[in-house]
């Protein structure tokens, strides 16, 4: 199982924040926070080499809280060391 360090997670979040305008321009559905959380989740799927059965499924409408929960689900048992991932997700609010 691939694990992620806090430094690696922070680097991914920093990259998304840096490229946020381009990401939002090419994915205009949802709020800015939802779009950036969606990008983070998609990046984690790839970075952690998740199988189809390891990825969260969504039903109904998806919002920022849903994406935050999904990121937590993906990171569960995949953090190399314990760290507060929520502080990084908060960077996507009010951008």
N, C-alpha and C. Protein backbone atom coordinates (compact mmCIF):
# COMPACT_ATOMS: atom_id res chain seq x y z
N UNK A 1 0.85 -1.17 0.00
CA UNK A 1 0.00 0.00 0.00
C UNK A 1 0.89 1.24 0.00
N UNK A 2 0.64 2.13 -0.92
CA UNK A 2 1.38 3.38 -1.00
C UNK A 2 0.94 4.30 0.12
N UNK A 3 1.89 4.94 0.75
CA UNK A 3 1.61 5.88 1.83
C UNK A 3 2.07 7.28 1.43
N UNK A 4 1.53 8.28 2.10
CA UNK A 4 1.88 9.67 1.78
C UNK A 4 2.36 10.36 3.05
N UNK A 5 3.44 11.11 2.92
CA UNK A 5 3.94 11.89 4.04
C UNK A 5 3.24 13.25 4.09
N UNK A 6 3.37 13.91 5.22
CA UNK A 6 2.80 15.24 5.33
C UNK A 6 3.45 16.19 4.33
N UNK A 7 4.76 16.07 4.16
CA UNK A 7 5.47 16.93 3.21
C UNK A 7 4.97 16.71 1.78
N UNK A 8 4.73 15.46 1.39
CA UNK A 8 4.21 15.17 0.05
C UNK A 8 2.80 15.73 -0.11
N UNK A 9 1.97 15.55 0.91
CA UNK A 9 0.60 16.05 0.86
C UNK A 9 0.62 17.58 0.75
N UNK A 10 1.46 18.23 1.56
CA UNK A 10 1.57 19.69 1.52
C UNK A 10 2.02 20.16 0.14
N UNK A 11 2.96 19.45 -0.47
CA UNK A 11 3.45 19.81 -1.81
C UNK A 11 2.33 19.74 -2.84
N UNK A 12 1.49 18.70 -2.75
CA UNK A 12 0.37 18.56 -3.68
C UNK A 12 -0.62 19.71 -3.49
N UNK A 13 -0.96 20.00 -2.24
CA UNK A 13 -1.89 21.11 -1.96
C UNK A 13 -1.30 22.42 -2.45
N UNK A 14 -0.02 22.66 -2.18
CA UNK A 14 0.64 23.89 -2.65
C UNK A 14 0.55 24.03 -4.17
N UNK A 15 0.75 22.94 -4.88
CA UNK A 15 0.67 22.96 -6.33
C UNK A 15 -0.72 23.29 -6.83
N UNK A 16 -1.73 22.74 -6.15
CA UNK A 16 -3.11 23.03 -6.54
C UNK A 16 -3.44 24.50 -6.26
N UNK A 17 -3.00 25.00 -5.12
CA UNK A 17 -3.24 26.42 -4.80
C UNK A 17 -2.55 27.31 -5.83
N UNK A 18 -1.33 26.98 -6.18
CA UNK A 18 -0.57 27.77 -7.16
C UNK A 18 -1.26 27.79 -8.53
N UNK A 19 -1.81 26.65 -8.94
CA UNK A 19 -2.44 26.53 -10.27
C UNK A 19 -3.96 26.68 -10.22
N UNK A 20 -4.49 27.20 -9.13
CA UNK A 20 -5.94 27.21 -8.91
C UNK A 20 -6.73 27.89 -10.03
N UNK A 21 -6.24 29.01 -10.56
CA UNK A 21 -7.01 29.72 -11.58
C UNK A 21 -7.16 28.88 -12.85
N UNK A 22 -6.12 28.20 -13.25
CA UNK A 22 -6.19 27.33 -14.42
C UNK A 22 -7.10 26.14 -14.15
N UNK A 23 -6.97 25.56 -12.97
CA UNK A 23 -7.82 24.41 -12.61
C UNK A 23 -9.29 24.82 -12.64
N UNK A 24 -9.60 25.94 -12.04
CA UNK A 24 -10.99 26.41 -11.97
C UNK A 24 -11.50 26.77 -13.36
N UNK A 25 -10.67 27.38 -14.16
CA UNK A 25 -11.07 27.77 -15.53
C UNK A 25 -11.47 26.54 -16.35
N UNK A 26 -10.77 25.44 -16.17
CA UNK A 26 -11.04 24.24 -16.96
C UNK A 26 -12.06 23.30 -16.32
N UNK A 27 -12.49 23.61 -15.11
CA UNK A 27 -13.48 22.79 -14.41
C UNK A 27 -14.50 23.71 -13.74
N UNK A 28 -15.32 24.39 -14.51
CA UNK A 28 -16.16 25.45 -13.95
C UNK A 28 -17.42 25.00 -13.21
N UNK A 29 -17.55 23.73 -12.89
CA UNK A 29 -18.76 23.26 -12.21
C UNK A 29 -18.52 23.18 -10.71
N UNK A 30 -19.31 23.90 -9.95
CA UNK A 30 -19.18 23.89 -8.50
C UNK A 30 -18.51 25.15 -8.00
N UNK A 31 -18.39 25.22 -6.68
CA UNK A 31 -17.71 26.37 -6.08
C UNK A 31 -16.21 26.21 -6.27
N UNK A 32 -15.48 27.28 -6.02
CA UNK A 32 -14.02 27.22 -6.14
C UNK A 32 -13.46 26.15 -5.20
N UNK A 33 -13.96 26.13 -3.97
CA UNK A 33 -13.49 25.13 -3.00
C UNK A 33 -13.78 23.72 -3.48
N UNK A 34 -14.98 23.47 -3.99
CA UNK A 34 -15.34 22.14 -4.48
C UNK A 34 -14.44 21.70 -5.62
N UNK A 35 -14.16 22.61 -6.53
CA UNK A 35 -13.31 22.28 -7.68
C UNK A 35 -11.90 21.91 -7.22
N UNK A 36 -11.35 22.67 -6.29
CA UNK A 36 -9.99 22.40 -5.81
C UNK A 36 -9.94 21.11 -4.99
N UNK A 37 -10.97 20.85 -4.19
CA UNK A 37 -11.03 19.59 -3.45
C UNK A 37 -11.17 18.40 -4.40
N UNK A 38 -11.96 18.57 -5.45
CA UNK A 38 -12.10 17.52 -6.46
C UNK A 38 -10.74 17.23 -7.10
N UNK A 39 -9.98 18.28 -7.43
CA UNK A 39 -8.66 18.09 -8.02
C UNK A 39 -7.73 17.38 -7.06
N UNK A 40 -7.76 17.75 -5.79
CA UNK A 40 -6.93 17.08 -4.79
C UNK A 40 -7.29 15.61 -4.70
N UNK A 41 -8.56 15.31 -4.66
CA UNK A 41 -9.01 13.92 -4.58
C UNK A 41 -8.55 13.12 -5.80
N UNK A 42 -8.70 13.69 -6.98
CA UNK A 42 -8.26 13.01 -8.20
C UNK A 42 -6.74 12.78 -8.18
N UNK A 43 -6.01 13.76 -7.69
CA UNK A 43 -4.55 13.63 -7.59
C UNK A 43 -4.18 12.52 -6.62
N UNK A 44 -4.88 12.46 -5.50
CA UNK A 44 -4.59 11.40 -4.52
C UNK A 44 -4.88 10.01 -5.08
N UNK A 45 -5.95 9.89 -5.88
CA UNK A 45 -6.26 8.59 -6.50
C UNK A 45 -5.05 8.11 -7.30
N UNK A 46 -4.49 9.00 -8.07
CA UNK A 46 -3.34 8.65 -8.91
C UNK A 46 -2.09 8.45 -8.07
N UNK A 47 -1.79 9.41 -7.21
CA UNK A 47 -0.57 9.37 -6.41
C UNK A 47 -0.49 8.11 -5.55
N UNK A 48 -1.61 7.72 -4.97
CA UNK A 48 -1.64 6.56 -4.09
C UNK A 48 -1.94 5.26 -4.83
N UNK A 49 -2.11 5.35 -6.14
CA UNK A 49 -2.40 4.18 -6.98
C UNK A 49 -3.59 3.38 -6.45
N UNK A 50 -4.68 4.08 -6.21
CA UNK A 50 -5.86 3.43 -5.65
C UNK A 50 -6.58 2.60 -6.70
N UNK A 51 -7.05 1.46 -6.29
CA UNK A 51 -7.86 0.63 -7.17
C UNK A 51 -9.29 1.16 -7.17
N UNK A 52 -10.08 0.68 -8.08
CA UNK A 52 -11.47 1.13 -8.19
C UNK A 52 -12.24 0.88 -6.90
N UNK A 53 -11.97 -0.23 -6.23
CA UNK A 53 -12.72 -0.53 -5.00
C UNK A 53 -12.23 0.29 -3.80
N UNK A 54 -11.08 0.95 -3.93
CA UNK A 54 -10.56 1.79 -2.86
C UNK A 54 -11.01 3.24 -2.97
N UNK A 55 -11.62 3.60 -4.09
CA UNK A 55 -12.04 4.99 -4.28
C UNK A 55 -13.46 5.17 -3.78
N UNK A 56 -13.73 6.30 -3.13
CA UNK A 56 -15.09 6.54 -2.63
C UNK A 56 -16.09 6.72 -3.77
N UNK A 57 -17.31 6.28 -3.53
CA UNK A 57 -18.40 6.45 -4.49
C UNK A 57 -19.31 7.56 -3.99
N UNK A 58 -19.83 8.34 -4.90
CA UNK A 58 -20.73 9.43 -4.54
C UNK A 58 -22.10 9.17 -5.13
N UNK A 59 -23.12 9.48 -4.35
CA UNK A 59 -24.48 9.42 -4.89
C UNK A 59 -25.15 10.75 -4.56
N UNK A 60 -25.96 11.21 -5.47
CA UNK A 60 -26.60 12.50 -5.28
C UNK A 60 -25.65 13.64 -5.55
N UNK A 61 -26.00 14.82 -5.05
CA UNK A 61 -25.15 15.98 -5.29
C UNK A 61 -23.97 15.97 -4.31
N UNK A 62 -22.86 16.46 -4.79
CA UNK A 62 -21.62 16.47 -4.02
C UNK A 62 -21.27 17.91 -3.68
N UNK A 63 -20.86 18.16 -2.44
CA UNK A 63 -20.46 19.49 -2.04
C UNK A 63 -19.07 19.44 -1.38
N UNK A 64 -18.61 20.57 -0.90
CA UNK A 64 -17.28 20.64 -0.31
C UNK A 64 -17.14 19.69 0.87
N UNK A 65 -18.17 19.58 1.69
CA UNK A 65 -18.12 18.69 2.85
C UNK A 65 -17.96 17.23 2.41
N UNK A 66 -18.62 16.86 1.33
CA UNK A 66 -18.51 15.50 0.79
C UNK A 66 -17.09 15.23 0.32
N UNK A 67 -16.51 16.19 -0.39
CA UNK A 67 -15.13 16.03 -0.88
C UNK A 67 -14.14 15.96 0.29
N UNK A 68 -14.35 16.79 1.30
CA UNK A 68 -13.48 16.76 2.48
C UNK A 68 -13.53 15.38 3.15
N UNK A 69 -14.71 14.87 3.29
CA UNK A 69 -14.88 13.54 3.88
C UNK A 69 -14.20 12.47 3.03
N UNK A 70 -14.32 12.58 1.73
CA UNK A 70 -13.69 11.61 0.83
C UNK A 70 -12.16 11.67 0.92
N UNK A 71 -11.61 12.88 1.03
CA UNK A 71 -10.15 13.01 1.19
C UNK A 71 -9.72 12.32 2.49
N UNK A 72 -10.46 12.54 3.55
CA UNK A 72 -10.16 11.88 4.82
C UNK A 72 -10.23 10.36 4.70
N UNK A 73 -11.23 9.87 3.98
CA UNK A 73 -11.39 8.44 3.75
C UNK A 73 -10.18 7.88 3.00
N UNK A 74 -9.76 8.58 1.96
CA UNK A 74 -8.62 8.12 1.15
C UNK A 74 -7.33 8.13 1.98
N UNK A 75 -7.17 9.15 2.81
CA UNK A 75 -5.95 9.25 3.61
C UNK A 75 -5.92 8.29 4.80
N UNK A 76 -7.09 7.82 5.20
CA UNK A 76 -7.16 6.89 6.32
C UNK A 76 -6.27 5.68 6.06
N UNK A 77 -5.33 5.43 6.95
CA UNK A 77 -4.39 4.31 6.87
C UNK A 77 -3.37 4.45 5.74
N UNK A 78 -3.34 5.62 5.08
CA UNK A 78 -2.36 5.83 4.01
C UNK A 78 -1.36 6.93 4.34
N UNK A 79 -1.52 7.53 5.52
CA UNK A 79 -0.56 8.54 5.96
C UNK A 79 0.66 7.81 6.50
N UNK A 80 1.84 8.24 6.07
CA UNK A 80 3.08 7.64 6.56
C UNK A 80 3.24 7.91 8.06
N UNK A 81 2.85 9.10 8.48
CA UNK A 81 2.78 9.47 9.89
C UNK A 81 1.49 10.25 10.07
N UNK A 82 1.01 10.29 11.29
CA UNK A 82 -0.25 11.01 11.53
C UNK A 82 -0.03 12.51 11.39
N UNK A 83 -0.91 13.18 10.66
CA UNK A 83 -0.89 14.64 10.54
C UNK A 83 -2.30 15.12 10.29
N UNK A 84 -2.53 16.40 10.58
CA UNK A 84 -3.84 17.01 10.43
C UNK A 84 -4.02 17.48 8.99
N UNK A 85 -4.67 16.65 8.18
CA UNK A 85 -4.87 17.02 6.78
C UNK A 85 -5.87 18.15 6.61
N UNK A 86 -6.77 18.33 7.59
CA UNK A 86 -7.81 19.36 7.49
C UNK A 86 -7.21 20.76 7.38
N UNK A 87 -6.08 20.99 8.05
CA UNK A 87 -5.47 22.32 7.96
C UNK A 87 -5.07 22.67 6.53
N UNK A 88 -4.72 21.65 5.75
CA UNK A 88 -4.35 21.88 4.35
C UNK A 88 -5.60 22.11 3.50
N UNK A 89 -6.67 21.39 3.82
CA UNK A 89 -7.92 21.58 3.07
C UNK A 89 -8.49 22.96 3.29
N UNK A 90 -8.25 23.51 4.47
CA UNK A 90 -8.73 24.86 4.77
C UNK A 90 -8.11 25.91 3.85
N UNK A 91 -6.99 25.59 3.23
CA UNK A 91 -6.36 26.54 2.30
C UNK A 91 -7.22 26.78 1.07
N UNK A 92 -8.14 25.87 0.77
CA UNK A 92 -8.99 26.00 -0.41
C UNK A 92 -10.20 26.91 -0.17
N UNK A 93 -10.45 27.25 1.08
CA UNK A 93 -11.59 28.10 1.43
C UNK A 93 -11.23 29.55 1.13
N UNK A 94 -12.14 30.26 0.51
CA UNK A 94 -11.99 31.70 0.23
C UNK A 94 -10.82 32.03 -0.68
N UNK A 95 -10.50 31.14 -1.60
CA UNK A 95 -9.44 31.48 -2.58
C UNK A 95 -10.05 32.16 -3.78
